[in-house]
């Protein structure tokens, strides 16, 4: 049971709001030492894992580009463009992104979306612009709800779409787990049975987005009423 001390370190570190990278590193070192490995072996294991997964760091190269684009007015331009489309609403914009995110994830293109590279600079501002085009100036609480819903759309589309693609980590993880328990399932079978789940997730979350426009309208009206009542 001693190697499980790493889990305790992670729980305590996150509860104390310590640096996440430092907490995870200490948990890994503690787990390795508790399992009987020497410190050089633990450091060597960290180095091997970093080298084997070094391609993941390529994603970070896009962040400076996104920062420069935001500084040049990317969010403002996206909000301005979507506000010109009269039929666009926050729910419809997010519904379109949900469909695109789920389809591209099902094709294995999981890096085309994401919170940092897509939701924050493009999707959320476009949804805000569509809501402003429909309801006028939005209260801060409504803006935060739109941002949260945009992030949720990305999560749902990615989570339920990627399992349709056979060569994805989640499919291989499920197959490995089932194989360890004596259940032999091919990746293609798992991907095939992930399609109904993906469709159900799209239908359920799509219904939430359809109702989201009504919720925004009620919230804006309630905020306007409260502002009028408190006006002397």
Protein backbone atom coordinates (compact mmCIF):
# COMPACT_ATOMS: atom_id res chain seq x y z
CA UNK A 1 0.00 0.00 0.00
CA UNK A 2 2.98 2.32 0.47
CA UNK A 3 3.36 3.20 -3.25
CA UNK A 4 -0.14 4.70 -3.07
CA UNK A 5 1.35 7.60 -1.11
CA UNK A 6 1.55 9.46 -4.40
CA UNK A 7 -2.24 9.70 -4.50
CA UNK A 8 -2.26 11.20 -1.01
CA UNK A 9 0.36 13.77 -2.02
CA UNK A 10 -1.72 14.78 -5.03
CA UNK A 11 -4.90 15.16 -2.94
CA UNK A 12 -3.18 17.19 -0.22
CA UNK A 13 -1.25 19.33 -2.70
CA UNK A 14 -4.32 20.21 -4.74
CA UNK A 15 -6.34 20.87 -1.59
CA UNK A 16 -3.67 23.34 -0.45
CA UNK A 17 -3.65 24.89 -3.96
CA UNK A 18 0.07 24.30 -4.42
CA UNK A 19 1.78 24.37 -7.80
CA UNK A 20 0.26 21.50 -9.79
CA UNK A 21 3.47 20.62 -11.64
CA UNK A 22 5.44 20.49 -8.40
CA UNK A 23 2.78 18.37 -6.67
CA UNK A 24 2.61 15.82 -9.50
CA UNK A 25 6.41 15.62 -9.71
CA UNK A 26 6.75 15.04 -5.96
CA UNK A 27 4.00 12.42 -6.10
CA UNK A 28 5.81 10.59 -8.90
CA UNK A 29 9.14 10.66 -7.05
CA UNK A 30 7.52 9.50 -3.80
CA UNK A 31 5.73 6.65 -5.58
CA UNK A 32 8.93 5.50 -7.26
CA UNK A 33 10.95 5.57 -4.05
CA UNK A 34 8.17 3.83 -2.11
CA UNK A 35 8.07 1.03 -4.70
CA UNK A 36 11.75 0.24 -4.10
CA UNK A 37 13.40 2.11 -6.96
CA UNK A 38 16.46 4.27 -6.46
CA UNK A 39 16.42 8.03 -7.06
CA UNK A 40 18.50 7.75 -10.28
CA UNK A 41 16.04 5.15 -11.61
CA UNK A 42 13.10 7.45 -10.87
CA UNK A 43 14.79 10.39 -12.59
CA UNK A 44 15.64 8.15 -15.55
CA UNK A 45 11.99 7.09 -15.79
CA UNK A 46 10.91 10.74 -15.85
CA UNK A 47 13.43 11.48 -18.60
CA UNK A 48 12.34 8.51 -20.71
CA UNK A 49 8.67 9.49 -20.40
CA UNK A 50 9.49 13.06 -21.45
CA UNK A 51 11.49 11.92 -24.50
CA UNK A 52 8.83 9.42 -25.57
CA UNK A 53 6.11 12.09 -25.32
CA UNK A 54 8.08 15.12 -26.52
CA UNK A 55 5.71 15.62 -29.48
CA UNK A 56 3.03 16.76 -27.00
CA UNK A 57 5.06 19.91 -26.34
CA UNK A 58 4.47 21.00 -29.95
CA UNK A 59 1.00 22.17 -28.90
CA UNK A 60 2.57 24.86 -26.74
CA UNK A 61 4.10 26.48 -29.82
CA UNK A 62 0.61 27.60 -30.87
CA UNK A 63 -0.03 29.54 -27.66
CA UNK A 64 2.23 32.54 -28.49
CA UNK A 65 0.55 32.79 -31.90
CA UNK A 66 -2.88 32.81 -30.26
CA UNK A 67 -1.71 35.48 -27.79
CA UNK A 68 -0.49 37.72 -30.59
CA UNK A 69 -3.73 37.22 -32.51
CA UNK A 70 -5.77 38.20 -29.44
CA UNK A 71 -3.61 41.28 -28.90
CA UNK A 72 -4.29 42.29 -32.50
CA UNK A 73 -8.04 42.14 -31.93
CA UNK A 74 -9.03 38.58 -32.86
CA UNK A 75 -11.80 38.39 -30.25
CA UNK A 76 -13.23 41.77 -31.24
CA UNK A 77 -13.21 40.91 -34.93
CA UNK A 78 -14.88 37.53 -34.39
CA UNK A 79 -17.57 39.18 -32.26
CA UNK A 80 -18.10 41.83 -34.93
CA UNK A 81 -18.35 39.30 -37.78
CA UNK A 82 -20.92 37.10 -36.04
CA UNK A 83 -23.00 40.11 -34.99
CA UNK A 84 -23.67 40.82 -38.68
CA UNK A 85 -25.53 37.51 -39.07
CA UNK A 86 -29.08 38.27 -37.98
CA UNK A 87 -30.12 34.63 -37.58
CA UNK A 88 -27.19 33.82 -35.29
CA UNK A 89 -27.87 33.27 -31.60
CA UNK A 90 -25.56 32.07 -28.85
CA UNK A 91 -27.20 28.64 -28.80
CA UNK A 92 -27.01 28.22 -32.58
CA UNK A 93 -23.36 29.27 -32.72
CA UNK A 94 -22.47 26.79 -30.01
CA UNK A 95 -24.56 24.07 -31.66
CA UNK A 96 -22.62 24.48 -34.90
CA UNK A 97 -19.34 24.29 -33.00
CA UNK A 98 -20.55 21.19 -31.16
CA UNK A 99 -21.23 19.46 -34.47
CA UNK A 100 -17.87 20.48 -35.94
CA UNK A 101 -15.97 19.50 -32.79
CA UNK A 102 -17.61 16.10 -32.58
CA UNK A 103 -17.16 15.31 -36.28
CA UNK A 104 -13.51 16.35 -36.38
CA UNK A 105 -12.80 14.43 -33.16
CA UNK A 106 -14.45 11.35 -34.69
CA UNK A 107 -12.01 11.69 -37.61
CA UNK A 108 -9.06 11.83 -35.23
CA UNK A 109 -8.49 15.60 -35.59
CA UNK A 110 -8.66 16.24 -31.86
CA UNK A 111 -6.20 19.16 -31.96
CA UNK A 112 -8.40 21.35 -34.15
CA UNK A 113 -10.41 22.51 -31.12
CA UNK A 114 -9.63 23.18 -27.50
CA UNK A 115 -10.19 25.78 -24.82
CA UNK A 116 -7.00 27.75 -25.35
CA UNK A 117 -6.77 27.68 -29.13
CA UNK A 118 -10.44 27.80 -30.13
CA UNK A 119 -12.97 28.45 -27.35
CA UNK A 120 -11.40 31.47 -25.66
CA UNK A 121 -10.30 33.45 -28.74
CA UNK A 122 -13.10 32.52 -31.17
CA UNK A 123 -16.09 30.47 -30.04
CA UNK A 124 -16.93 32.29 -26.80
CA UNK A 125 -16.61 35.82 -28.34
CA UNK A 126 -18.74 34.75 -31.30
CA UNK A 127 -21.42 33.38 -28.97
CA UNK A 128 -21.31 36.61 -26.95
CA UNK A 129 -21.60 38.67 -30.13
CA UNK A 130 -24.62 36.68 -31.26
CA UNK A 131 -26.27 37.13 -27.86
CA UNK A 132 -25.57 40.88 -27.94
CA UNK A 133 -27.07 41.06 -31.42
CA UNK A 134 -30.27 39.51 -30.05
CA UNK A 135 -30.55 40.97 -26.55
CA UNK A 136 -28.36 44.08 -26.57
CA UNK A 137 -25.85 44.74 -23.80
CA UNK A 138 -25.37 41.65 -21.63
CA UNK A 139 -24.88 41.54 -17.86
CA UNK A 140 -21.63 40.05 -16.58
CA UNK A 141 -23.38 36.96 -15.21
CA UNK A 142 -24.79 36.17 -18.65
CA UNK A 143 -21.39 36.60 -20.28
CA UNK A 144 -19.86 34.18 -17.81
CA UNK A 145 -22.61 31.62 -18.48
CA UNK A 146 -21.96 31.86 -22.22
CA UNK A 147 -18.23 31.32 -21.68
CA UNK A 148 -18.92 28.33 -19.45
CA UNK A 149 -21.33 26.81 -21.96
CA UNK A 150 -18.78 27.29 -24.76
CA UNK A 151 -16.18 25.41 -22.72
CA UNK A 152 -18.72 22.68 -21.97
CA UNK A 153 -19.55 22.31 -25.67
CA UNK A 154 -15.88 21.70 -26.45
CA UNK A 155 -15.65 19.09 -23.69
CA UNK A 156 -18.76 17.21 -24.82
CA UNK A 157 -17.84 17.25 -28.50
CA UNK A 158 -14.30 16.09 -27.83
CA UNK A 159 -15.13 13.45 -25.21
CA UNK A 160 -17.90 11.67 -27.12
CA UNK A 161 -16.46 12.23 -30.59
CA UNK A 162 -12.95 10.86 -30.13
CA UNK A 163 -14.16 7.37 -29.17
CA UNK A 164 -15.51 6.92 -32.70
CA UNK A 165 -11.93 7.06 -34.02
CA UNK A 166 -10.25 3.66 -33.68
CA UNK A 167 -6.66 4.89 -33.28
CA UNK A 168 -7.19 7.04 -30.18
CA UNK A 169 -5.83 6.60 -26.69
CA UNK A 170 -9.22 6.12 -25.04
CA UNK A 171 -10.14 3.22 -27.35
CA UNK A 172 -6.81 1.52 -26.71
CA UNK A 173 -7.22 2.05 -22.96
CA UNK A 174 -10.70 0.46 -22.97
CA UNK A 175 -9.47 -2.45 -25.08
CA UNK A 176 -6.51 -3.04 -22.77
CA UNK A 177 -8.68 -2.96 -19.66
CA UNK A 178 -11.20 -5.40 -21.11
CA UNK A 179 -8.44 -7.70 -22.32
CA UNK A 180 -6.93 -7.84 -18.82
CA UNK A 181 -10.29 -9.05 -17.57
CA UNK A 182 -10.62 -11.75 -20.21
CA UNK A 183 -12.86 -9.84 -22.64
CA UNK A 184 -11.41 -9.64 -26.14
CA UNK A 185 -12.84 -6.75 -28.14
CA UNK A 186 -11.43 -5.28 -31.32
CA UNK A 187 -10.95 -1.48 -31.54
CA UNK A 188 -13.29 -1.32 -34.53
CA UNK A 189 -16.09 -2.86 -32.45
CA UNK A 190 -15.57 -0.30 -29.68
CA UNK A 191 -15.59 2.54 -32.18
CA UNK A 192 -18.75 1.21 -33.82
CA UNK A 193 -20.61 1.06 -30.51
CA UNK A 194 -19.37 4.55 -29.62
CA UNK A 195 -21.42 6.02 -32.48
CA UNK A 196 -24.85 5.69 -30.74
CA UNK A 197 -23.37 7.23 -27.60
CA UNK A 198 -21.97 10.14 -29.60
CA UNK A 199 -25.31 10.71 -31.32
CA UNK A 200 -27.16 10.59 -28.00
CA UNK A 201 -24.70 13.07 -26.48
CA UNK A 202 -25.15 15.42 -29.43
CA UNK A 203 -28.94 15.21 -29.17
CA UNK A 204 -29.00 15.83 -25.41
CA UNK A 205 -26.50 18.68 -25.43
CA UNK A 206 -28.07 20.10 -28.58
CA UNK A 207 -31.38 20.30 -26.71
CA UNK A 208 -29.61 22.14 -23.89
CA UNK A 209 -28.22 24.63 -26.40
CA UNK A 210 -31.67 25.09 -27.94
CA UNK A 211 -33.02 25.97 -24.50
CA UNK A 212 -29.95 28.07 -23.71
CA UNK A 213 -31.21 31.01 -25.80
CA UNK A 214 -34.41 31.09 -23.75
CA UNK A 215 -32.41 31.01 -20.53
CA UNK A 216 -30.31 33.95 -21.73
CA UNK A 217 -33.46 35.91 -22.59
CA UNK A 218 -34.94 35.26 -19.14
CA UNK A 219 -31.70 36.17 -17.38
CA UNK A 220 -31.29 39.41 -19.34
CA UNK A 221 -34.91 40.35 -18.62
CA UNK A 222 -34.48 39.57 -14.92
CA UNK A 223 -31.29 41.64 -14.72
CA UNK A 224 -33.02 44.55 -16.49
CA UNK A 225 -35.96 44.35 -14.08
CA UNK A 226 -33.66 44.37 -11.06
CA UNK A 227 -31.74 47.33 -12.42
CA UNK A 228 -35.00 49.24 -12.95
CA UNK A 229 -36.22 48.49 -9.43
CA UNK A 230 -32.99 49.72 -7.88
CA UNK A 231 -32.94 52.90 -9.94
CA UNK A 232 -33.94 55.84 -7.66
